[in-house]
Amino acid sequence: MEVRVGRMPGPLNLYAVEEGSTVKNVLKLAQVNSKGFRIEVNDDVAELNDEVSDGDTILLTKSVQGN
């Protein structure tokens, strides 16, 4: 199965992963450190132990704070 991974702003990269892979597994494969970032899968907040599905998009975003 294939999953897209990226930090915003920045490019999205496509990775082939095994069924049952978690967000943590995919980020490790992509060599992306999530420290200090909010993790989203398909625009929903996600945790490192959440499983991903074929076609998912994992985004790491910085929290925006108001005044």
N, C-alpha and C. Protein backbone atom coordinates (compact mmCIF):
# COMPACT_ATOMS: atom_id res chain seq x y z
N MET A 1 0.84 -1.17 0.00
CA MET A 1 0.00 0.00 0.00
C MET A 1 0.89 1.23 0.00
N GLU A 2 0.33 2.36 -0.40
CA GLU A 2 1.10 3.60 -0.50
C GLU A 2 0.51 4.69 0.38
N VAL A 3 1.43 5.46 1.00
CA VAL A 3 1.05 6.54 1.92
C VAL A 3 1.90 7.76 1.58
N ARG A 4 1.29 8.93 1.60
CA ARG A 4 2.03 10.17 1.38
C ARG A 4 2.41 10.77 2.73
N VAL A 5 3.61 11.37 2.77
CA VAL A 5 4.11 11.97 4.00
C VAL A 5 4.73 13.32 3.67
N GLY A 6 4.47 14.31 4.53
CA GLY A 6 5.10 15.61 4.35
C GLY A 6 4.96 16.50 5.55
N ARG A 7 5.85 17.49 5.58
CA ARG A 7 5.77 18.58 6.57
C ARG A 7 5.26 19.80 5.84
N MET A 8 4.42 20.54 6.51
CA MET A 8 3.89 21.75 5.91
C MET A 8 4.58 22.96 6.51
N PRO A 9 5.09 23.88 5.72
CA PRO A 9 5.08 23.82 4.26
C PRO A 9 6.17 22.87 3.77
N GLY A 10 5.97 22.32 2.61
CA GLY A 10 6.95 21.42 2.01
C GLY A 10 6.29 20.41 1.11
N PRO A 11 7.12 19.59 0.45
CA PRO A 11 6.59 18.62 -0.49
C PRO A 11 6.01 17.38 0.20
N LEU A 12 5.15 16.67 -0.51
CA LEU A 12 4.65 15.37 -0.07
C LEU A 12 5.43 14.30 -0.83
N ASN A 13 5.85 13.26 -0.11
CA ASN A 13 6.55 12.15 -0.74
C ASN A 13 5.74 10.88 -0.55
N LEU A 14 5.82 10.00 -1.52
CA LEU A 14 5.05 8.76 -1.53
C LEU A 14 5.93 7.61 -1.06
N TYR A 15 5.39 6.78 -0.14
CA TYR A 15 6.12 5.64 0.41
C TYR A 15 5.26 4.39 0.31
N ALA A 16 5.91 3.28 -0.04
CA ALA A 16 5.26 1.98 -0.04
C ALA A 16 5.46 1.37 1.35
N VAL A 17 4.37 1.01 2.02
CA VAL A 17 4.45 0.45 3.38
C VAL A 17 3.62 -0.82 3.45
N GLU A 18 3.89 -1.62 4.48
CA GLU A 18 3.16 -2.87 4.67
C GLU A 18 1.82 -2.62 5.36
N GLU A 19 0.86 -3.50 5.10
CA GLU A 19 -0.43 -3.47 5.81
C GLU A 19 -0.14 -3.52 7.31
N GLY A 20 -0.91 -2.79 8.09
CA GLY A 20 -0.74 -2.77 9.53
C GLY A 20 0.29 -1.78 10.02
N SER A 21 0.89 -1.02 9.11
CA SER A 21 1.88 -0.02 9.51
C SER A 21 1.21 1.09 10.32
N THR A 22 1.96 1.64 11.27
CA THR A 22 1.47 2.75 12.08
C THR A 22 2.08 4.05 11.57
N VAL A 23 1.54 5.15 12.04
CA VAL A 23 2.09 6.47 11.72
C VAL A 23 3.57 6.49 12.08
N LYS A 24 3.92 5.95 13.24
CA LYS A 24 5.31 5.92 13.70
C LYS A 24 6.19 5.16 12.72
N ASN A 25 5.73 3.98 12.24
CA ASN A 25 6.49 3.19 11.27
C ASN A 25 6.76 3.99 10.00
N VAL A 26 5.72 4.66 9.51
CA VAL A 26 5.84 5.40 8.26
C VAL A 26 6.78 6.59 8.43
N LEU A 27 6.67 7.32 9.53
CA LEU A 27 7.55 8.47 9.76
C LEU A 27 9.00 8.02 9.87
N LYS A 28 9.22 6.85 10.48
CA LYS A 28 10.58 6.31 10.59
C LYS A 28 11.12 5.99 9.20
N LEU A 29 10.30 5.34 8.38
CA LEU A 29 10.70 5.02 7.00
C LEU A 29 11.03 6.29 6.22
N ALA A 30 10.23 7.32 6.42
CA ALA A 30 10.41 8.59 5.71
C ALA A 30 11.53 9.44 6.32
N GLN A 31 12.09 8.98 7.43
CA GLN A 31 13.14 9.71 8.16
C GLN A 31 12.68 11.11 8.53
N VAL A 32 11.46 11.17 9.08
CA VAL A 32 10.85 12.43 9.49
C VAL A 32 10.64 12.40 11.00
N ASN A 33 11.13 13.43 11.68
CA ASN A 33 10.97 13.56 13.12
C ASN A 33 9.72 14.39 13.40
N SER A 34 8.81 13.84 14.20
CA SER A 34 7.55 14.53 14.47
C SER A 34 7.60 15.44 15.69
N LYS A 35 8.73 15.48 16.38
CA LYS A 35 8.83 16.29 17.60
C LYS A 35 8.52 17.76 17.28
N GLY A 36 7.60 18.32 18.05
CA GLY A 36 7.23 19.73 17.88
C GLY A 36 6.17 19.97 16.80
N PHE A 37 5.69 18.88 16.19
CA PHE A 37 4.69 19.01 15.14
C PHE A 37 3.39 18.35 15.56
N ARG A 38 2.31 18.83 15.01
CA ARG A 38 1.00 18.19 15.14
C ARG A 38 0.91 17.17 14.01
N ILE A 39 0.45 15.97 14.32
CA ILE A 39 0.34 14.92 13.31
C ILE A 39 -1.10 14.82 12.85
N GLU A 40 -1.29 14.85 11.53
CA GLU A 40 -2.63 14.70 10.95
C GLU A 40 -2.60 13.59 9.90
N VAL A 41 -3.63 12.78 9.89
CA VAL A 41 -3.82 11.79 8.83
C VAL A 41 -5.14 12.13 8.16
N ASN A 42 -5.06 12.46 6.88
CA ASN A 42 -6.26 12.85 6.12
C ASN A 42 -7.04 13.96 6.82
N ASP A 43 -6.31 14.96 7.31
CA ASP A 43 -6.88 16.16 7.95
C ASP A 43 -7.46 15.92 9.34
N ASP A 44 -7.28 14.72 9.92
CA ASP A 44 -7.71 14.44 11.29
C ASP A 44 -6.49 14.29 12.18
N VAL A 45 -6.57 14.81 13.41
CA VAL A 45 -5.46 14.66 14.35
C VAL A 45 -5.20 13.18 14.59
N ALA A 46 -3.92 12.80 14.59
CA ALA A 46 -3.55 11.39 14.73
C ALA A 46 -2.47 11.22 15.78
N GLU A 47 -2.34 9.99 16.25
CA GLU A 47 -1.31 9.60 17.21
C GLU A 47 -0.31 8.69 16.52
N LEU A 48 0.89 8.57 17.08
CA LEU A 48 1.93 7.75 16.48
C LEU A 48 1.54 6.28 16.33
N ASN A 49 0.70 5.77 17.23
CA ASN A 49 0.32 4.35 17.19
C ASN A 49 -0.89 4.06 16.30
N ASP A 50 -1.46 5.08 15.66
CA ASP A 50 -2.59 4.86 14.76
C ASP A 50 -2.14 4.13 13.50
N GLU A 51 -2.93 3.16 13.05
CA GLU A 51 -2.63 2.46 11.81
C GLU A 51 -3.01 3.32 10.61
N VAL A 52 -2.24 3.17 9.54
CA VAL A 52 -2.54 3.89 8.31
C VAL A 52 -3.14 2.93 7.29
N SER A 53 -3.83 3.51 6.32
CA SER A 53 -4.47 2.74 5.25
C SER A 53 -3.92 3.20 3.91
N ASP A 54 -4.13 2.37 2.90
CA ASP A 54 -3.68 2.70 1.56
C ASP A 54 -4.28 4.03 1.12
N GLY A 55 -3.43 4.92 0.61
CA GLY A 55 -3.88 6.21 0.12
C GLY A 55 -3.91 7.31 1.16
N ASP A 56 -3.58 6.99 2.42
CA ASP A 56 -3.58 8.02 3.47
C ASP A 56 -2.50 9.07 3.21
N THR A 57 -2.73 10.26 3.75
CA THR A 57 -1.76 11.34 3.73
C THR A 57 -1.45 11.74 5.16
N ILE A 58 -0.18 11.63 5.54
CA ILE A 58 0.29 12.04 6.86
C ILE A 58 0.95 13.40 6.72
N LEU A 59 0.44 14.39 7.45
CA LEU A 59 1.02 15.72 7.44
C LEU A 59 1.50 16.09 8.83
N LEU A 60 2.65 16.71 8.89
CA LEU A 60 3.16 17.28 10.13
C LEU A 60 3.03 18.78 10.01
N THR A 61 2.32 19.38 10.94
CA THR A 61 2.09 20.82 10.88
C THR A 61 2.47 21.46 12.19
N LYS A 62 2.88 22.71 12.13
CA LYS A 62 3.17 23.48 13.34
C LYS A 62 1.88 24.09 13.83
N SER A 63 1.71 24.12 15.14
CA SER A 63 0.53 24.76 15.71
C SER A 63 0.64 26.27 15.54
N VAL A 64 -0.44 26.88 15.11
CA VAL A 64 -0.48 28.33 14.95
C VAL A 64 -1.15 28.91 16.19
N GLN A 65 -0.47 29.84 16.82
CA GLN A 65 -1.02 30.46 18.02
C GLN A 65 -1.44 31.88 17.73
N GLY A 66 -2.57 32.26 18.31
CA GLY A 66 -3.08 33.63 18.14
C GLY A 66 -2.41 34.60 19.07
N ASN A 67 -2.96 35.80 19.14
CA ASN A 67 -2.41 36.86 19.98
C ASN A 67 -2.51 36.51 21.42
